[in-house]
Amino acid sequence: MDLENTQSSRSRLLHAAKLLFARNGFEQTSTAAIAREAGTSESQLVRYFRGKAGLLEAIFDDGWAPLNGHIQQAVGAAPSAREALLGVLAIVSEAFASDHAMAFLFLFEGRRTRGDSHEVLLSKGFQNFSTLLQTLVRRGTLDGTFPSKLHPASAAAALIGAVEGMIREMVIAERSSKEKPFLDDQVRTIFTAIVDGLAQIPRTEPVNRRAGEGA
């Protein structure tokens, strides 16, 4: 087997599918169109990726892969959970800001359902990102960055929501041929405000009130 030709064919399929999925949507893009754009055959697509779903998964895996080293460096060099979180959020948001096709897929194709089972398929990269944020929040409850009662999963969900919201505005602006809605330093300012806001959550657990009780 010619390894160079195999890698070239696989790379062309990934590139073609990424552009077509971002331009037309996953459901509206056929395997025939992807193979034609890539200058190869549908049989090659099936051989490498089993089909469209496998191809989309590979696109996400390849998209997240180069971020891993940068993220691990940022986490390892950070003196606190606060600095680690800010570093990770900045790296991910900047990466998607520079790759609008990947940003679109992340927002609109990153949570697909599998047939009639409605099982949600999340990319491994996204799952690892979410797990890392939860780990950093948990680290912050130990190093004094955050109150001990802060729930890692809910905090991570809020941070992911902020990232998605900013990416969404950038994608909309790009597709509407409008100016970039905010600068990189403004993104960092917002992330800093959110992370610092989490640190200000009262450190005593509030008393739970039953429905119907007065305030």
C-alpha atoms as a PDB file:
ATOM      1  CA  MET A   1       0.000   0.000   0.000  1.00  0.00           C
ATOM      2  CA  ASP A   2       1.289   3.469  -0.899  1.00  0.00           C
ATOM      3  CA  LEU A   3       1.248   5.244   2.482  1.00  0.00           C
ATOM      4  CA  GLU A   4       1.711   8.682   0.925  1.00  0.00           C
ATOM      5  CA  ASN A   5      -1.262   8.222  -1.409  1.00  0.00           C
ATOM      6  CA  THR A   6      -3.356   6.832   1.451  1.00  0.00           C
ATOM      7  CA  GLN A   7      -2.628   9.855   3.650  1.00  0.00           C
ATOM      8  CA  SER A   8      -3.225  12.227   0.757  1.00  0.00           C
ATOM      9  CA  SER A   9      -6.586  10.659  -0.097  1.00  0.00           C
ATOM     10  CA  ARG A  10      -7.650  10.655   3.547  1.00  0.00           C
ATOM     11  CA  SER A  11      -6.582  14.276   3.982  1.00  0.00           C
ATOM     12  CA  ARG A  12      -8.448  15.360   0.857  1.00  0.00           C
ATOM     13  CA  LEU A  13     -11.607  13.639   2.071  1.00  0.00           C
ATOM     14  CA  LEU A  14     -11.334  15.336   5.476  1.00  0.00           C
ATOM     15  CA  HIS A  15     -10.750  18.743   3.911  1.00  0.00           C
ATOM     16  CA  ALA A  16     -13.584  18.368   1.412  1.00  0.00           C
ATOM     17  CA  ALA A  17     -16.055  17.100   3.991  1.00  0.00           C
ATOM     18  CA  LYS A  18     -15.182  19.863   6.444  1.00  0.00           C
ATOM     19  CA  LEU A  19     -15.857  22.564   3.853  1.00  0.00           C
ATOM     20  CA  LEU A  20     -19.055  20.961   2.519  1.00  0.00           C
ATOM     21  CA  PHE A  21     -20.477  20.181   5.963  1.00  0.00           C
ATOM     22  CA  ALA A  22     -19.820  23.763   7.043  1.00  0.00           C
ATOM     23  CA  ARG A  23     -21.258  25.208   3.832  1.00  0.00           C
ATOM     24  CA  ASN A  24     -24.312  22.984   3.357  1.00  0.00           C
ATOM     25  CA  GLY A  25     -24.827  21.103   6.622  1.00  0.00           C
ATOM     26  CA  PHE A  26     -24.207  17.463   7.457  1.00  0.00           C
ATOM     27  CA  GLU A  27     -27.586  16.101   6.349  1.00  0.00           C
ATOM     28  CA  GLN A  28     -27.575  17.994   3.052  1.00  0.00           C
ATOM     29  CA  THR A  29     -24.106  16.804   2.036  1.00  0.00           C
ATOM     30  CA  SER A  30     -23.882  13.479   0.221  1.00  0.00           C
ATOM     31  CA  THR A  31     -20.952  11.096   0.253  1.00  0.00           C
ATOM     32  CA  ALA A  32     -20.879  11.405  -3.542  1.00  0.00           C
ATOM     33  CA  ALA A  33     -20.411  15.168  -3.274  1.00  0.00           C
ATOM     34  CA  ILE A  34     -17.610  14.737  -0.735  1.00  0.00           C
ATOM     35  CA  ALA A  35     -15.798  12.164  -2.885  1.00  0.00           C
ATOM     36  CA  ARG A  36     -16.180  14.360  -5.972  1.00  0.00           C
ATOM     37  CA  GLU A  37     -14.825  17.422  -4.137  1.00  0.00           C
ATOM     38  CA  ALA A  38     -11.909  15.351  -2.827  1.00  0.00           C
ATOM     39  CA  GLY A  39     -11.123  13.885  -6.247  1.00  0.00           C
ATOM     40  CA  THR A  40     -11.552  10.320  -5.049  1.00  0.00           C
ATOM     41  CA  SER A  41     -14.268   7.656  -4.776  1.00  0.00           C
ATOM     42  CA  GLU A  42     -17.073   6.890  -2.335  1.00  0.00           C
ATOM     43  CA  SER A  43     -15.507   3.473  -1.770  1.00  0.00           C
ATOM     44  CA  GLN A  44     -12.393   5.213  -0.446  1.00  0.00           C
ATOM     45  CA  LEU A  45     -14.546   7.299   1.893  1.00  0.00           C
ATOM     46  CA  VAL A  46     -16.209   4.186   3.274  1.00  0.00           C
ATOM     47  CA  ARG A  47     -12.861   2.419   3.516  1.00  0.00           C
ATOM     48  CA  TYR A  48     -11.301   5.135   5.666  1.00  0.00           C
ATOM     49  CA  PHE A  49     -14.290   6.432   7.633  1.00  0.00           C
ATOM     50  CA  ARG A  50     -17.161   3.889   7.234  1.00  0.00           C
ATOM     51  CA  GLY A  51     -19.487   6.718   6.188  1.00  0.00           C
ATOM     52  CA  LYS A  52     -20.469  10.338   6.860  1.00  0.00           C
ATOM     53  CA  ALA A  53     -20.776   9.936  10.622  1.00  0.00           C
ATOM     54  CA  GLY A  54     -17.290   8.470  10.880  1.00  0.00           C
ATOM     55  CA  LEU A  55     -15.961  11.225   8.658  1.00  0.00           C
ATOM     56  CA  LEU A  56     -17.492  13.938  10.847  1.00  0.00           C
ATOM     57  CA  GLU A  57     -16.046  12.266  13.935  1.00  0.00           C
ATOM     58  CA  ALA A  58     -12.606  12.219  12.302  1.00  0.00           C
ATOM     59  CA  ILE A  59     -12.909  15.911  11.429  1.00  0.00           C
ATOM     60  CA  PHE A  60     -13.540  16.742  15.075  1.00  0.00           C
ATOM     61  CA  ASP A  61     -10.758  14.449  16.287  1.00  0.00           C
ATOM     62  CA  ASP A  62      -8.297  16.077  13.877  1.00  0.00           C
ATOM     63  CA  GLY A  63      -9.557  19.531  14.816  1.00  0.00           C
ATOM     64  CA  TRP A  64      -9.096  19.046  18.555  1.00  0.00           C
ATOM     65  CA  ALA A  65      -5.780  17.182  18.285  1.00  0.00           C
ATOM     66  CA  PRO A  66      -3.488  20.204  17.745  1.00  0.00           C
ATOM     67  CA  LEU A  67      -5.099  21.965  20.700  1.00  0.00           C
ATOM     68  CA  ASN A  68      -4.150  19.225  23.150  1.00  0.00           C
ATOM     69  CA  GLY A  69      -0.477  20.147  23.378  1.00  0.00           C
ATOM     70  CA  HIS A  70      -1.217  23.855  23.845  1.00  0.00           C
ATOM     71  CA  ILE A  71      -3.859  23.112  26.459  1.00  0.00           C
ATOM     72  CA  GLN A  72      -1.606  20.763  28.425  1.00  0.00           C
ATOM     73  CA  GLN A  73       1.189  23.347  28.384  1.00  0.00           C
ATOM     74  CA  ALA A  74      -1.167  26.044  29.643  1.00  0.00           C
ATOM     75  CA  VAL A  75      -2.453  23.816  32.436  1.00  0.00           C
ATOM     76  CA  GLY A  76       1.010  22.644  33.448  1.00  0.00           C
ATOM     77  CA  ALA A  77       2.475  26.151  33.567  1.00  0.00           C
ATOM     78  CA  ALA A  78      -0.447  27.784  35.387  1.00  0.00           C
ATOM     79  CA  PRO A  79       0.183  28.586  39.070  1.00  0.00           C
ATOM     80  CA  SER A  80      -3.514  28.252  39.966  1.00  0.00           C
ATOM     81  CA  ALA A  81      -6.777  26.834  38.677  1.00  0.00           C
ATOM     82  CA  ARG A  82      -7.867  30.375  37.790  1.00  0.00           C
ATOM     83  CA  GLU A  83      -4.909  30.930  35.465  1.00  0.00           C
ATOM     84  CA  ALA A  84      -5.269  27.440  33.994  1.00  0.00           C
ATOM     85  CA  LEU A  85      -8.937  27.998  33.191  1.00  0.00           C
ATOM     86  CA  LEU A  86      -8.283  31.381  31.593  1.00  0.00           C
ATOM     87  CA  GLY A  87      -5.478  29.897  29.506  1.00  0.00           C
ATOM     88  CA  VAL A  88      -7.555  26.962  28.298  1.00  0.00           C
ATOM     89  CA  LEU A  89     -10.592  29.104  27.450  1.00  0.00           C
ATOM     90  CA  ALA A  90      -8.432  31.566  25.509  1.00  0.00           C
ATOM     91  CA  ILE A  91      -6.697  28.802  23.525  1.00  0.00           C
ATOM     92  CA  VAL A  92      -9.958  27.117  22.514  1.00  0.00           C
ATOM     93  CA  SER A  93     -11.820  30.319  21.625  1.00  0.00           C
ATOM     94  CA  GLU A  94      -8.898  31.663  19.579  1.00  0.00           C
ATOM     95  CA  ALA A  95      -8.535  28.354  17.730  1.00  0.00           C
ATOM     96  CA  PHE A  96     -12.172  28.338  16.660  1.00  0.00           C
ATOM     97  CA  ALA A  97     -12.061  32.043  15.817  1.00  0.00           C
ATOM     98  CA  SER A  98      -9.320  31.324  13.287  1.00  0.00           C
ATOM     99  CA  ASP A  99     -11.122  28.332  11.730  1.00  0.00           C
ATOM    100  CA  HIS A 100     -14.687  29.346  10.857  1.00  0.00           C
ATOM    101  CA  ALA A 101     -15.550  26.024   9.219  1.00  0.00           C
ATOM    102  CA  MET A 102     -14.604  24.120  12.370  1.00  0.00           C
ATOM    103  CA  ALA A 103     -16.400  26.694  14.499  1.00  0.00           C
ATOM    104  CA  PHE A 104     -19.619  26.169  12.526  1.00  0.00           C
ATOM    105  CA  LEU A 105     -19.352  22.391  12.839  1.00  0.00           C
ATOM    106  CA  PHE A 106     -18.597  22.660  16.555  1.00  0.00           C
ATOM    107  CA  LEU A 107     -21.763  24.692  17.116  1.00  0.00           C
ATOM    108  CA  PHE A 108     -24.227  23.044  14.770  1.00  0.00           C
ATOM    109  CA  GLU A 109     -22.970  19.515  14.144  1.00  0.00           C
ATOM    110  CA  GLY A 110     -21.084  18.710  17.346  1.00  0.00           C
ATOM    111  CA  ARG A 111     -24.014  17.047  19.096  1.00  0.00           C
ATOM    112  CA  ARG A 112     -25.621  14.638  16.684  1.00  0.00           C
ATOM    113  CA  THR A 113     -28.155  11.917  17.444  1.00  0.00           C
ATOM    114  CA  ARG A 114     -27.769   8.318  16.296  1.00  0.00           C
ATOM    115  CA  GLY A 115     -30.840   7.165  14.364  1.00  0.00           C
ATOM    116  CA  ASP A 116     -34.076   6.360  16.186  1.00  0.00           C
ATOM    117  CA  SER A 117     -32.278   5.827  19.492  1.00  0.00           C
ATOM    118  CA  HIS A 118     -31.650   9.591  19.772  1.00  0.00           C
ATOM    119  CA  GLU A 119     -28.343   8.796  21.436  1.00  0.00           C
ATOM    120  CA  VAL A 120     -26.288  11.983  21.461  1.00  0.00           C
ATOM    121  CA  LEU A 121     -22.875  11.618  19.864  1.00  0.00           C
ATOM    122  CA  LEU A 122     -20.271  14.005  21.276  1.00  0.00           C
ATOM    123  CA  SER A 123     -16.812  14.300  19.806  1.00  0.00           C
ATOM    124  CA  LYS A 124     -13.994  12.951  21.972  1.00  0.00           C
ATOM    125  CA  GLY A 125     -12.347  16.360  21.849  1.00  0.00           C
ATOM    126  CA  PHE A 126     -15.412  18.076  23.254  1.00  0.00           C
ATOM    127  CA  GLN A 127     -15.809  15.438  25.956  1.00  0.00           C
ATOM    128  CA  ASN A 128     -12.168  15.857  26.951  1.00  0.00           C
ATOM    129  CA  PHE A 129     -12.567  19.639  26.995  1.00  0.00           C
ATOM    130  CA  SER A 130     -15.591  19.400  29.285  1.00  0.00           C
ATOM    131  CA  THR A 131     -13.833  16.902  31.559  1.00  0.00           C
ATOM    132  CA  LEU A 132     -10.742  19.121  31.753  1.00  0.00           C
ATOM    133  CA  LEU A 133     -12.807  22.153  32.772  1.00  0.00           C
ATOM    134  CA  GLN A 134     -14.485  20.121  35.507  1.00  0.00           C
ATOM    135  CA  THR A 135     -11.073  18.904  36.694  1.00  0.00           C
ATOM    136  CA  LEU A 136      -9.764  22.476  36.829  1.00  0.00           C
ATOM    137  CA  VAL A 137     -12.805  23.681  38.751  1.00  0.00           C
ATOM    138  CA  ARG A 138     -12.312  20.812  41.194  1.00  0.00           C
ATOM    139  CA  ARG A 139      -8.642  21.795  41.478  1.00  0.00           C
ATOM    140  CA  GLY A 140      -9.775  25.348  42.199  1.00  0.00           C
ATOM    141  CA  THR A 141     -11.944  24.224  45.097  1.00  0.00           C
ATOM    142  CA  LEU A 142      -8.800  22.695  46.616  1.00  0.00           C
ATOM    143  CA  ASP A 143      -6.345  25.543  45.992  1.00  0.00           C
ATOM    144  CA  GLY A 144      -8.703  28.262  47.218  1.00  0.00           C
ATOM    145  CA  THR A 145      -9.611  29.692  43.804  1.00  0.00           C
ATOM    146  CA  PHE A 146     -13.255  28.687  44.174  1.00  0.00           C
ATOM    147  CA  PRO A 147     -15.555  27.933  47.097  1.00  0.00           C
ATOM    148  CA  SER A 148     -15.651  24.272  48.056  1.00  0.00           C
ATOM    149  CA  LYS A 149     -19.386  24.040  47.334  1.00  0.00           C
ATOM    150  CA  LEU A 150     -18.985  25.038  43.666  1.00  0.00           C
ATOM    151  CA  HIS A 151     -20.287  22.174  41.531  1.00  0.00           C
ATOM    152  CA  PRO A 152     -17.663  21.284  38.850  1.00  0.00           C
ATOM    153  CA  ALA A 153     -20.138  20.070  36.201  1.00  0.00           C
ATOM    154  CA  SER A 154     -22.410  23.120  36.450  1.00  0.00           C
ATOM    155  CA  ALA A 155     -19.451  25.521  36.443  1.00  0.00           C
ATOM    156  CA  ALA A 156     -17.947  23.776  33.403  1.00  0.00           C
ATOM    157  CA  ALA A 157     -21.302  23.958  31.595  1.00  0.00           C
ATOM    158  CA  ALA A 158     -21.475  27.714  32.247  1.00  0.00           C
ATOM    159  CA  LEU A 159     -17.947  28.227  30.917  1.00  0.00           C
ATOM    160  CA  ILE A 160     -18.644  26.106  27.823  1.00  0.00           C
ATOM    161  CA  GLY A 161     -21.799  28.145  27.243  1.00  0.00           C
ATOM    162  CA  ALA A 162     -19.741  31.341  27.273  1.00  0.00           C
ATOM    163  CA  VAL A 163     -17.286  29.882  24.769  1.00  0.00           C
ATOM    164  CA  GLU A 164     -20.094  28.713  22.474  1.00  0.00           C
ATOM    165  CA  GLY A 165     -21.869  32.059  22.698  1.00  0.00           C
ATOM    166  CA  MET A 166     -18.795  33.978  21.589  1.00  0.00           C
ATOM    167  CA  ILE A 167     -17.992  31.506  18.822  1.00  0.00           C
ATOM    168  CA  ARG A 168     -21.602  31.741  17.614  1.00  0.00           C
ATOM    169  CA  GLU A 169     -21.417  35.542  17.333  1.00  0.00           C
ATOM    170  CA  MET A 170     -18.186  35.275  15.341  1.00  0.00           C
ATOM    171  CA  VAL A 171     -19.686  32.685  12.976  1.00  0.00           C
ATOM    172  CA  ILE A 172     -22.821  34.780  12.430  1.00  0.00           C
ATOM    173  CA  ALA A 173     -20.749  37.889  11.749  1.00  0.00           C
ATOM    174  CA  GLU A 174     -18.527  36.042   9.287  1.00  0.00           C
ATOM    175  CA  ARG A 175     -21.473  34.520   7.414  1.00  0.00           C
ATOM    176  CA  SER A 176     -23.240  37.876   7.304  1.00  0.00           C
ATOM    177  CA  SER A 177     -20.086  39.614   6.027  1.00  0.00           C
ATOM    178  CA  LYS A 178     -20.040  41.836   9.079  1.00  0.00           C
ATOM    179  CA  GLU A 179     -17.113  43.063  11.124  1.00  0.00           C
ATOM    180  CA  LYS A 180     -15.716  40.860  13.859  1.00  0.00           C
ATOM    181  CA  PRO A 181     -18.044  41.470  16.835  1.00  0.00           C
ATOM    182  CA  PHE A 182     -15.276  41.750  19.438  1.00  0.00           C
ATOM    183  CA  LEU A 183     -11.506  41.721  19.794  1.00  0.00           C
ATOM    184  CA  ASP A 184      -9.389  39.007  21.399  1.00  0.00           C
ATOM    185  CA  ASP A 185      -8.656  41.123  24.462  1.00  0.00           C
ATOM    186  CA  GLN A 186     -12.398  41.657  24.957  1.00  0.00           C
ATOM    187  CA  VAL A 187     -12.904  37.889  24.884  1.00  0.00           C
ATOM    188  CA  ARG A 188     -10.283  37.480  27.587  1.00  0.00           C
ATOM    189  CA  THR A 189     -11.924  40.246  29.635  1.00  0.00           C
ATOM    190  CA  ILE A 190     -15.251  38.406  29.591  1.00  0.00           C
ATOM    191  CA  PHE A 191     -13.693  35.067  30.520  1.00  0.00           C
ATOM    192  CA  THR A 192     -11.821  36.722  33.375  1.00  0.00           C
ATOM    193  CA  ALA A 193     -15.042  38.298  34.664  1.00  0.00           C
ATOM    194  CA  ILE A 194     -16.867  34.941  34.546  1.00  0.00           C
ATOM    195  CA  VAL A 195     -14.092  32.991  36.277  1.00  0.00           C
ATOM    196  CA  ASP A 196     -13.675  35.691  38.921  1.00  0.00           C
ATOM    197  CA  GLY A 197     -17.442  35.754  39.366  1.00  0.00           C
ATOM    198  CA  LEU A 198     -17.439  32.032  40.131  1.00  0.00           C
ATOM    199  CA  ALA A 199     -14.834  32.737  42.791  1.00  0.00           C
ATOM    200  CA  GLN A 200     -17.211  35.196  44.451  1.00  0.00           C
ATOM    201  CA  ILE A 201     -20.017  32.673  44.978  1.00  0.00           C
ATOM    202  CA  PRO A 202     -20.871  32.607  48.716  1.00  0.00           C
ATOM    203  CA  ARG A 203     -18.832  29.939  50.447  1.00  0.00           C
ATOM    204  CA  THR A 204     -21.690  28.840  52.687  1.00  0.00           C
ATOM    205  CA  GLU A 205     -24.375  26.660  51.197  1.00  0.00           C
ATOM    206  CA  PRO A 206     -27.750  28.501  51.070  1.00  0.00           C
ATOM    207  CA  VAL A 207     -30.693  27.090  52.972  1.00  0.00           C
ATOM    208  CA  ASN A 208     -33.002  25.190  50.623  1.00  0.00           C
ATOM    209  CA  ARG A 209     -36.624  26.315  50.685  1.00  0.00           C
ATOM    210  CA  ARG A 210     -39.534  24.144  49.735  1.00  0.00           C
ATOM    211  CA  ALA A 211     -41.846  25.305  46.965  1.00  0.00           C
ATOM    212  CA  GLY A 212     -44.525  27.632  48.255  1.00  0.00           C
ATOM    213  CA  GLU A 213     -42.571  28.928  51.248  1.00  0.00           C
ATOM    214  CA  GLY A 214     -42.087  32.637  51.597  1.00  0.00           C
ATOM    215  CA  ALA A 215     -38.778  34.290  50.888  1.00  0.00           C
END
